[in-house]
């Protein structure tokens, strides 16, 4: 597998993971909303879940958006 193919495959894997995580968190938010826990408990759980989602998804998104660092032909990679 060539370098470009590897990059494309990694991007697809990351995008797939993000989609799966989004679905997981959406389900968790739905479950929290359907429970009779009181506003304070729901707010705390929601805040924790939002922070967890951010920590799980942001690094994957940043890696997808990161600029590609290349070296000129004939020079060793750093």
PDB file of N, CA and C in Angstrom:
ATOM      1  N   UNK A   1       0.860  -1.173   0.000  1.00  0.00           N
ATOM      2  CA  UNK A   1       0.000   0.000   0.000  1.00  0.00           C
ATOM      3  C   UNK A   1       0.905   1.233   0.000  1.00  0.00           C
ATOM      4  N   UNK A   2       0.643   2.141  -0.925  1.00  0.00           N
ATOM      5  CA  UNK A   2       1.433   3.357  -1.043  1.00  0.00           C
ATOM      6  C   UNK A   2       1.125   4.345   0.066  1.00  0.00           C
ATOM      7  N   UNK A   3       1.943   5.362   0.133  1.00  0.00           N
ATOM      8  CA  UNK A   3       1.810   6.359   1.188  1.00  0.00           C
ATOM      9  C   UNK A   3       0.458   7.081   1.132  1.00  0.00           C
ATOM     10  N   UNK A   4       0.052   7.484  -0.064  1.00  0.00           N
ATOM     11  CA  UNK A   4      -1.236   8.171  -0.212  1.00  0.00           C
ATOM     12  C   UNK A   4      -2.397   7.251   0.152  1.00  0.00           C
ATOM     13  N   UNK A   5      -2.293   5.993  -0.227  1.00  0.00           N
ATOM     14  CA  UNK A   5      -3.349   5.028   0.117  1.00  0.00           C
ATOM     15  C   UNK A   5      -3.430   4.844   1.623  1.00  0.00           C
ATOM     16  N   UNK A   6      -2.274   4.802   2.288  1.00  0.00           N
ATOM     17  CA  UNK A   6      -2.257   4.673   3.745  1.00  0.00           C
ATOM     18  C   UNK A   6      -2.917   5.886   4.398  1.00  0.00           C
ATOM     19  N   UNK A   7      -2.588   7.068   3.899  1.00  0.00           N
ATOM     20  CA  UNK A   7      -3.200   8.287   4.453  1.00  0.00           C
ATOM     21  C   UNK A   7      -4.715   8.271   4.265  1.00  0.00           C
ATOM     22  N   UNK A   8      -5.144   7.875   3.079  1.00  0.00           N
ATOM     23  CA  UNK A   8      -6.583   7.819   2.802  1.00  0.00           C
ATOM     24  C   UNK A   8      -7.263   6.789   3.699  1.00  0.00           C
ATOM     25  N   UNK A   9      -6.614   5.654   3.898  1.00  0.00           N
ATOM     26  CA  UNK A   9      -7.178   4.611   4.761  1.00  0.00           C
ATOM     27  C   UNK A   9      -7.265   5.097   6.205  1.00  0.00           C
ATOM     28  N   UNK A  10      -6.221   5.767   6.677  1.00  0.00           N
ATOM     29  CA  UNK A  10      -6.239   6.288   8.050  1.00  0.00           C
ATOM     30  C   UNK A  10      -7.329   7.343   8.213  1.00  0.00           C
ATOM     31  N   UNK A  11      -7.498   8.170   7.205  1.00  0.00           N
ATOM     32  CA  UNK A  11      -8.547   9.193   7.266  1.00  0.00           C
ATOM     33  C   UNK A  11      -9.920   8.528   7.354  1.00  0.00           C
ATOM     34  N   UNK A  12     -10.129   7.489   6.553  1.00  0.00           N
ATOM     35  CA  UNK A  12     -11.407   6.773   6.590  1.00  0.00           C
ATOM     36  C   UNK A  12     -11.635   6.131   7.952  1.00  0.00           C
ATOM     37  N   UNK A  13     -10.594   5.557   8.528  1.00  0.00           N
ATOM     38  CA  UNK A  13     -10.721   4.938   9.850  1.00  0.00           C
ATOM     39  C   UNK A  13     -11.098   5.994  10.880  1.00  0.00           C
ATOM     40  N   UNK A  14     -10.399   7.117  10.858  1.00  0.00           N
ATOM     41  CA  UNK A  14     -10.698   8.190  11.818  1.00  0.00           C
ATOM     42  C   UNK A  14     -12.121   8.706  11.642  1.00  0.00           C
ATOM     43  N   UNK A  15     -12.528   8.932  10.397  1.00  0.00           N
ATOM     44  CA  UNK A  15     -13.891   9.413  10.153  1.00  0.00           C
ATOM     45  C   UNK A  15     -14.928   8.393  10.608  1.00  0.00           C
ATOM     46  N   UNK A  16     -14.645   7.115  10.411  1.00  0.00           N
ATOM     47  CA  UNK A  16     -15.547   6.067  10.883  1.00  0.00           C
ATOM     48  C   UNK A  16     -15.644   6.040  12.397  1.00  0.00           C
ATOM     49  N   UNK A  17     -14.499   6.200  13.061  1.00  0.00           N
ATOM     50  CA  UNK A  17     -14.494   6.240  14.524  1.00  0.00           C
ATOM     51  C   UNK A  17     -15.286   7.435  15.041  1.00  0.00           C
ATOM     52  N   UNK A  18     -15.115   8.580  14.398  1.00  0.00           N
ATOM     53  CA  UNK A  18     -15.870   9.771  14.804  1.00  0.00           C
ATOM     54  C   UNK A  18     -17.366   9.517  14.661  1.00  0.00           C
ATOM     55  N   UNK A  19     -17.777   8.927  13.557  1.00  0.00           N
ATOM     56  CA  UNK A  19     -19.201   8.639  13.339  1.00  0.00           C
ATOM     57  C   UNK A  19     -19.737   7.683  14.403  1.00  0.00           C
ATOM     58  N   UNK A  20     -18.957   6.655  14.728  1.00  0.00           N
ATOM     59  CA  UNK A  20     -19.383   5.701  15.760  1.00  0.00           C
ATOM     60  C   UNK A  20     -19.477   6.374  17.123  1.00  0.00           C
ATOM     61  N   UNK A  21     -18.508   7.218  17.443  1.00  0.00           N
ATOM     62  CA  UNK A  21     -18.537   7.926  18.720  1.00  0.00           C
ATOM     63  C   UNK A  21     -19.721   8.881  18.791  1.00  0.00           C
ATOM     64  N   UNK A  22     -19.992   9.591  17.701  1.00  0.00           N
ATOM     65  CA  UNK A  22     -21.143  10.500  17.673  1.00  0.00           C
ATOM     66  C   UNK A  22     -22.438   9.734  17.945  1.00  0.00           C
ATOM     67  N   UNK A  23     -22.568   8.571  17.340  1.00  0.00           N
ATOM     68  CA  UNK A  23     -23.764   7.750  17.546  1.00  0.00           C
ATOM     69  C   UNK A  23     -23.856   7.281  19.000  1.00  0.00           C
ATOM     70  N   UNK A  24     -22.744   6.863  19.555  1.00  0.00           N
ATOM     71  CA  UNK A  24     -22.706   6.419  20.948  1.00  0.00           C
ATOM     72  C   UNK A  24     -23.120   7.542  21.896  1.00  0.00           C
ATOM     73  N   UNK A  25     -22.540   8.721  21.698  1.00  0.00           N
ATOM     74  CA  UNK A  25     -22.866   9.852  22.568  1.00  0.00           C
ATOM     75  C   UNK A  25     -24.308  10.308  22.377  1.00  0.00           C
ATOM     76  N   UNK A  26     -24.803  10.273  21.150  1.00  0.00           N
ATOM     77  CA  UNK A  26     -26.199  10.642  20.904  1.00  0.00           C
ATOM     78  C   UNK A  26     -27.132   9.727  21.700  1.00  0.00           C
ATOM     79  N   UNK A  27     -26.838   8.433  21.684  1.00  0.00           N
ATOM     80  CA  UNK A  27     -27.641   7.485  22.454  1.00  0.00           C
ATOM     81  C   UNK A  27     -27.561   7.748  23.947  1.00  0.00           C
ATOM     82  N   UNK A  28     -26.366   8.084  24.420  1.00  0.00           N
ATOM     83  CA  UNK A  28     -26.196   8.375  25.845  1.00  0.00           C
ATOM     84  C   UNK A  28     -26.982   9.623  26.238  1.00  0.00           C
ATOM     85  N   UNK A  29     -26.938  10.661  25.409  1.00  0.00           N
ATOM     86  CA  UNK A  29     -27.711  11.870  25.696  1.00  0.00           C
ATOM     87  C   UNK A  29     -29.203  11.567  25.714  1.00  0.00           C
ATOM     88  N   UNK A  30     -29.659  10.737  24.790  1.00  0.00           N
ATOM     89  CA  UNK A  30     -31.073  10.360  24.762  1.00  0.00           C
ATOM     90  C   UNK A  30     -31.464   9.618  26.034  1.00  0.00           C
ATOM     91  N   UNK A  31     -30.602   8.706  26.482  1.00  0.00           N
ATOM     92  CA  UNK A  31     -30.894   7.953  27.713  1.00  0.00           C
ATOM     93  C   UNK A  31     -30.947   8.878  28.921  1.00  0.00           C
ATOM     94  N   UNK A  32     -30.011   9.801  29.006  1.00  0.00           N
ATOM     95  CA  UNK A  32     -30.008  10.735  30.133  1.00  0.00           C
ATOM     96  C   UNK A  32     -31.294  11.557  30.130  1.00  0.00           C
ATOM     97  N   UNK A  33     -31.683  12.023  28.953  1.00  0.00           N
ATOM     98  CA  UNK A  33     -32.887  12.845  28.854  1.00  0.00           C
ATOM     99  C   UNK A  33     -34.162  12.099  29.191  1.00  0.00           C
ATOM    100  N   UNK A  34     -34.154  10.796  29.022  1.00  0.00           N
ATOM    101  CA  UNK A  34     -35.368  10.018  29.276  1.00  0.00           C
ATOM    102  C   UNK A  34     -35.490   9.562  30.731  1.00  0.00           C
ATOM    103  N   UNK A  35     -34.462   9.782  31.528  1.00  0.00           N
ATOM    104  CA  UNK A  35     -34.490   9.371  32.930  1.00  0.00           C
ATOM    105  C   UNK A  35     -35.118  10.464  33.797  1.00  0.00           C
ATOM    106  N   UNK A  36     -35.732  10.048  34.877  1.00  0.00           N
ATOM    107  CA  UNK A  36     -36.335  10.997  35.815  1.00  0.00           C
ATOM    108  C   UNK A  36     -35.334  11.246  36.942  1.00  0.00           C
ATOM    109  N   UNK A  37     -34.283  12.004  36.624  1.00  0.00           N
ATOM    110  CA  UNK A  37     -33.195  12.210  37.578  1.00  0.00           C
ATOM    111  C   UNK A  37     -33.216  13.577  38.233  1.00  0.00           C
ATOM    112  N   UNK A  38     -34.029  14.456  37.770  1.00  0.00           N
ATOM    113  CA  UNK A  38     -34.025  15.822  38.276  1.00  0.00           C
ATOM    114  C   UNK A  38     -33.086  16.674  37.438  1.00  0.00           C
ATOM    115  N   UNK A  39     -33.388  17.959  37.394  1.00  0.00           N
ATOM    116  CA  UNK A  39     -32.633  18.852  36.520  1.00  0.00           C
ATOM    117  C   UNK A  39     -31.159  18.941  36.880  1.00  0.00           C
ATOM    118  N   UNK A  40     -30.847  19.000  38.170  1.00  0.00           N
ATOM    119  CA  UNK A  40     -29.450  19.128  38.595  1.00  0.00           C
ATOM    120  C   UNK A  40     -28.614  17.930  38.186  1.00  0.00           C
ATOM    121  N   UNK A  41     -29.132  16.741  38.416  1.00  0.00           N
ATOM    122  CA  UNK A  41     -28.394  15.521  38.070  1.00  0.00           C
ATOM    123  C   UNK A  41     -28.234  15.397  36.559  1.00  0.00           C
ATOM    124  N   UNK A  42     -29.279  15.722  35.828  1.00  0.00           N
ATOM    125  CA  UNK A  42     -29.203  15.657  34.366  1.00  0.00           C
ATOM    126  C   UNK A  42     -28.176  16.662  33.853  1.00  0.00           C
ATOM    127  N   UNK A  43     -28.165  17.858  34.431  1.00  0.00           N
ATOM    128  CA  UNK A  43     -27.204  18.881  34.006  1.00  0.00           C
ATOM    129  C   UNK A  43     -25.772  18.424  34.267  1.00  0.00           C
ATOM    130  N   UNK A  44     -25.517  17.833  35.435  1.00  0.00           N
ATOM    131  CA  UNK A  44     -24.162  17.355  35.760  1.00  0.00           C
ATOM    132  C   UNK A  44     -23.741  16.226  34.827  1.00  0.00           C
ATOM    133  N   UNK A  45     -24.629  15.263  34.621  1.00  0.00           N
ATOM    134  CA  UNK A  45     -24.312  14.157  33.716  1.00  0.00           C
ATOM    135  C   UNK A  45     -24.084  14.648  32.288  1.00  0.00           C
ATOM    136  N   UNK A  46     -24.911  15.573  31.863  1.00  0.00           N
ATOM    137  CA  UNK A  46     -24.766  16.110  30.515  1.00  0.00           C
ATOM    138  C   UNK A  46     -23.429  16.819  30.362  1.00  0.00           C
ATOM    139  N   UNK A  47     -23.044  17.608  31.362  1.00  0.00           N
ATOM    140  CA  UNK A  47     -21.763  18.308  31.306  1.00  0.00           C
ATOM    141  C   UNK A  47     -20.602  17.318  31.258  1.00  0.00           C
ATOM    142  N   UNK A  48     -20.661  16.275  32.072  1.00  0.00           N
ATOM    143  CA  UNK A  48     -19.608  15.250  32.050  1.00  0.00           C
ATOM    144  C   UNK A  48     -19.544  14.560  30.694  1.00  0.00           C
ATOM    145  N   UNK A  49     -20.696  14.260  30.155  1.00  0.00           N
ATOM    146  CA  UNK A  49     -20.751  13.584  28.860  1.00  0.00           C
ATOM    147  C   UNK A  49     -20.226  14.485  27.737  1.00  0.00           C
ATOM    148  N   UNK A  50     -20.544  15.774  27.809  1.00  0.00           N
ATOM    149  CA  UNK A  50     -20.025  16.712  26.811  1.00  0.00           C
ATOM    150  C   UNK A  50     -18.500  16.793  26.868  1.00  0.00           C
ATOM    151  N   UNK A  51     -17.949  16.834  28.077  1.00  0.00           N
ATOM    152  CA  UNK A  51     -16.488  16.884  28.216  1.00  0.00           C
ATOM    153  C   UNK A  51     -15.856  15.597  27.714  1.00  0.00           C
ATOM    154  N   UNK A  52     -16.491  14.478  28.000  1.00  0.00           N
ATOM    155  CA  UNK A  52     -15.989  13.188  27.531  1.00  0.00           C
ATOM    156  C   UNK A  52     -16.011  13.120  26.006  1.00  0.00           C
ATOM    157  N   UNK A  53     -17.101  13.580  25.422  1.00  0.00           N
ATOM    158  CA  UNK A  53     -17.240  13.590  23.959  1.00  0.00           C
ATOM    159  C   UNK A  53     -16.156  14.449  23.331  1.00  0.00           C
ATOM    160  N   UNK A  54     -15.954  15.623  23.901  1.00  0.00           N
ATOM    161  CA  UNK A  54     -14.929  16.538  23.385  1.00  0.00           C
ATOM    162  C   UNK A  54     -13.547  15.889  23.440  1.00  0.00           C
ATOM    163  N   UNK A  55     -13.240  15.236  24.549  1.00  0.00           N
ATOM    164  CA  UNK A  55     -11.928  14.596  24.705  1.00  0.00           C
ATOM    165  C   UNK A  55     -11.757  13.409  23.762  1.00  0.00           C
ATOM    166  N   UNK A  56     -12.836  12.742  23.436  1.00  0.00           N
ATOM    167  CA  UNK A  56     -12.751  11.568  22.564  1.00  0.00           C
ATOM    168  C   UNK A  56     -12.674  11.941  21.086  1.00  0.00           C
ATOM    169  N   UNK A  57     -13.419  12.951  20.684  1.00  0.00           N
ATOM    170  CA  UNK A  57     -13.559  13.250  19.261  1.00  0.00           C
ATOM    171  C   UNK A  57     -12.562  14.294  18.763  1.00  0.00           C
ATOM    172  N   UNK A  58     -12.272  15.296  19.568  1.00  0.00           N
ATOM    173  CA  UNK A  58     -11.406  16.387  19.109  1.00  0.00           C
ATOM    174  C   UNK A  58     -10.051  15.922  18.594  1.00  0.00           C
ATOM    175  N   UNK A  59      -9.335  15.036  19.286  1.00  0.00           N
ATOM    176  CA  UNK A  59      -8.036  14.603  18.743  1.00  0.00           C
ATOM    177  C   UNK A  59      -8.157  13.924  17.377  1.00  0.00           C
ATOM    178  N   UNK A  60      -9.212  13.179  17.169  1.00  0.00           N
ATOM    179  CA  UNK A  60      -9.421  12.536  15.867  1.00  0.00           C
ATOM    180  C   UNK A  60      -9.675  13.579  14.784  1.00  0.00           C
ATOM    181  N   UNK A  61     -10.479  14.585  15.107  1.00  0.00           N
ATOM    182  CA  UNK A  61     -10.756  15.643  14.136  1.00  0.00           C
ATOM    183  C   UNK A  61      -9.505  16.460  13.839  1.00  0.00           C
ATOM    184  N   UNK A  62      -8.730  16.753  14.868  1.00  0.00           N
ATOM    185  CA  UNK A  62      -7.509  17.536  14.669  1.00  0.00           C
ATOM    186  C   UNK A  62      -6.520  16.794  13.786  1.00  0.00           C
ATOM    187  N   UNK A  63      -6.433  15.504  13.959  1.00  0.00           N
ATOM    188  CA  UNK A  63      -5.508  14.716  13.149  1.00  0.00           C
ATOM    189  C   UNK A  63      -5.938  14.711  11.685  1.00  0.00           C
ATOM    190  N   UNK A  64      -7.232  14.680  11.448  1.00  0.00           N
ATOM    191  CA  UNK A  64      -7.737  14.724  10.076  1.00  0.00           C
ATOM    192  C   UNK A  64      -7.411  16.077   9.442  1.00  0.00           C
ATOM    193  N   UNK A  65      -7.553  17.139  10.228  1.00  0.00           N
ATOM    194  CA  UNK A  65      -7.361  18.487   9.709  1.00  0.00           C
ATOM    195  C   UNK A  65      -5.900  18.933   9.714  1.00  0.00           C
ATOM    196  N   UNK A  66      -5.020  18.171  10.351  1.00  0.00           N
ATOM    197  CA  UNK A  66      -3.615  18.570  10.463  1.00  0.00           C
ATOM    198  C   UNK A  66      -2.984  18.666   9.081  1.00  0.00           C
ATOM    199  N   UNK A  67      -2.181  19.706   8.872  1.00  0.00           N
ATOM    200  CA  UNK A  67      -1.511  19.813   7.574  1.00  0.00           C
ATOM    201  C   UNK A  67      -0.477  18.706   7.416  1.00  0.00           C
ATOM    202  N   UNK A  68      -0.304  18.300   6.205  1.00  0.00           N
ATOM    203  CA  UNK A  68       0.660  17.253   5.904  1.00  0.00           C
ATOM    204  C   UNK A  68       2.051  17.873   5.853  1.00  0.00           C
ATOM    205  N   UNK A  69       2.969  17.349   6.644  1.00  0.00           N
ATOM    206  CA  UNK A  69       4.342  17.837   6.657  1.00  0.00           C
ATOM    207  C   UNK A  69       5.164  16.903   5.789  1.00  0.00           C
ATOM    208  N   UNK A  70       5.757  17.462   4.762  1.00  0.00           N
ATOM    209  CA  UNK A  70       6.549  16.650   3.841  1.00  0.00           C
ATOM    210  C   UNK A  70       7.961  17.196   3.766  1.00  0.00           C
ATOM    211  N   UNK A  71       8.856  16.381   3.270  1.00  0.00           N
ATOM    212  CA  UNK A  71      10.232  16.814   3.045  1.00  0.00           C
ATOM    213  C   UNK A  71      10.502  16.755   1.553  1.00  0.00           C
ATOM    214  N   UNK A  72      11.349  17.648   1.067  1.00  0.00           N
ATOM    215  CA  UNK A  72      11.684  17.623  -0.356  1.00  0.00           C
ATOM    216  C   UNK A  72      12.336  16.304  -0.745  1.00  0.00           C
ATOM    217  N   UNK A  73      12.160  15.924  -1.985  1.00  0.00           N
ATOM    218  CA  UNK A  73      12.748  14.680  -2.485  1.00  0.00           C
ATOM    219  C   UNK A  73      14.261  14.719  -2.315  1.00  0.00           C
ATOM    220  N   UNK A  74      14.811  13.616  -1.922  1.00  0.00           N
ATOM    221  CA  UNK A  74      16.254  13.502  -1.769  1.00  0.00           C
ATOM    222  C   UNK A  74      16.774  13.920  -0.411  1.00  0.00           C
ATOM    223  N   UNK A  75      15.896  14.431   0.473  1.00  0.00           N
ATOM    224  CA  UNK A  75      16.327  14.805   1.815  1.00  0.00           C
ATOM    225  C   UNK A  75      15.732  13.827   2.815  1.00  0.00           C
ATOM    226  N   UNK A  76      16.497  13.496   3.858  1.00  0.00           N
ATOM    227  CA  UNK A  76      15.963  12.566   4.861  1.00  0.00           C
ATOM    228  C   UNK A  76      14.832  13.214   5.659  1.00  0.00           C
ATOM    229  N   UNK A  77      13.903  12.395   6.058  1.00  0.00           N
ATOM    230  CA  UNK A  77      12.791  12.875   6.879  1.00  0.00           C
ATOM    231  C   UNK A  77      13.318  13.265   8.248  1.00  0.00           C
ATOM    232  N   UNK A  78      12.722  14.287   8.888  1.00  0.00           N
ATOM    233  CA  UNK A  78      13.192  14.722  10.220  1.00  0.00           C
ATOM    234  C   UNK A  78      12.970  13.681  11.277  1.00  0.00           C
TER     235      UNK A  78
END
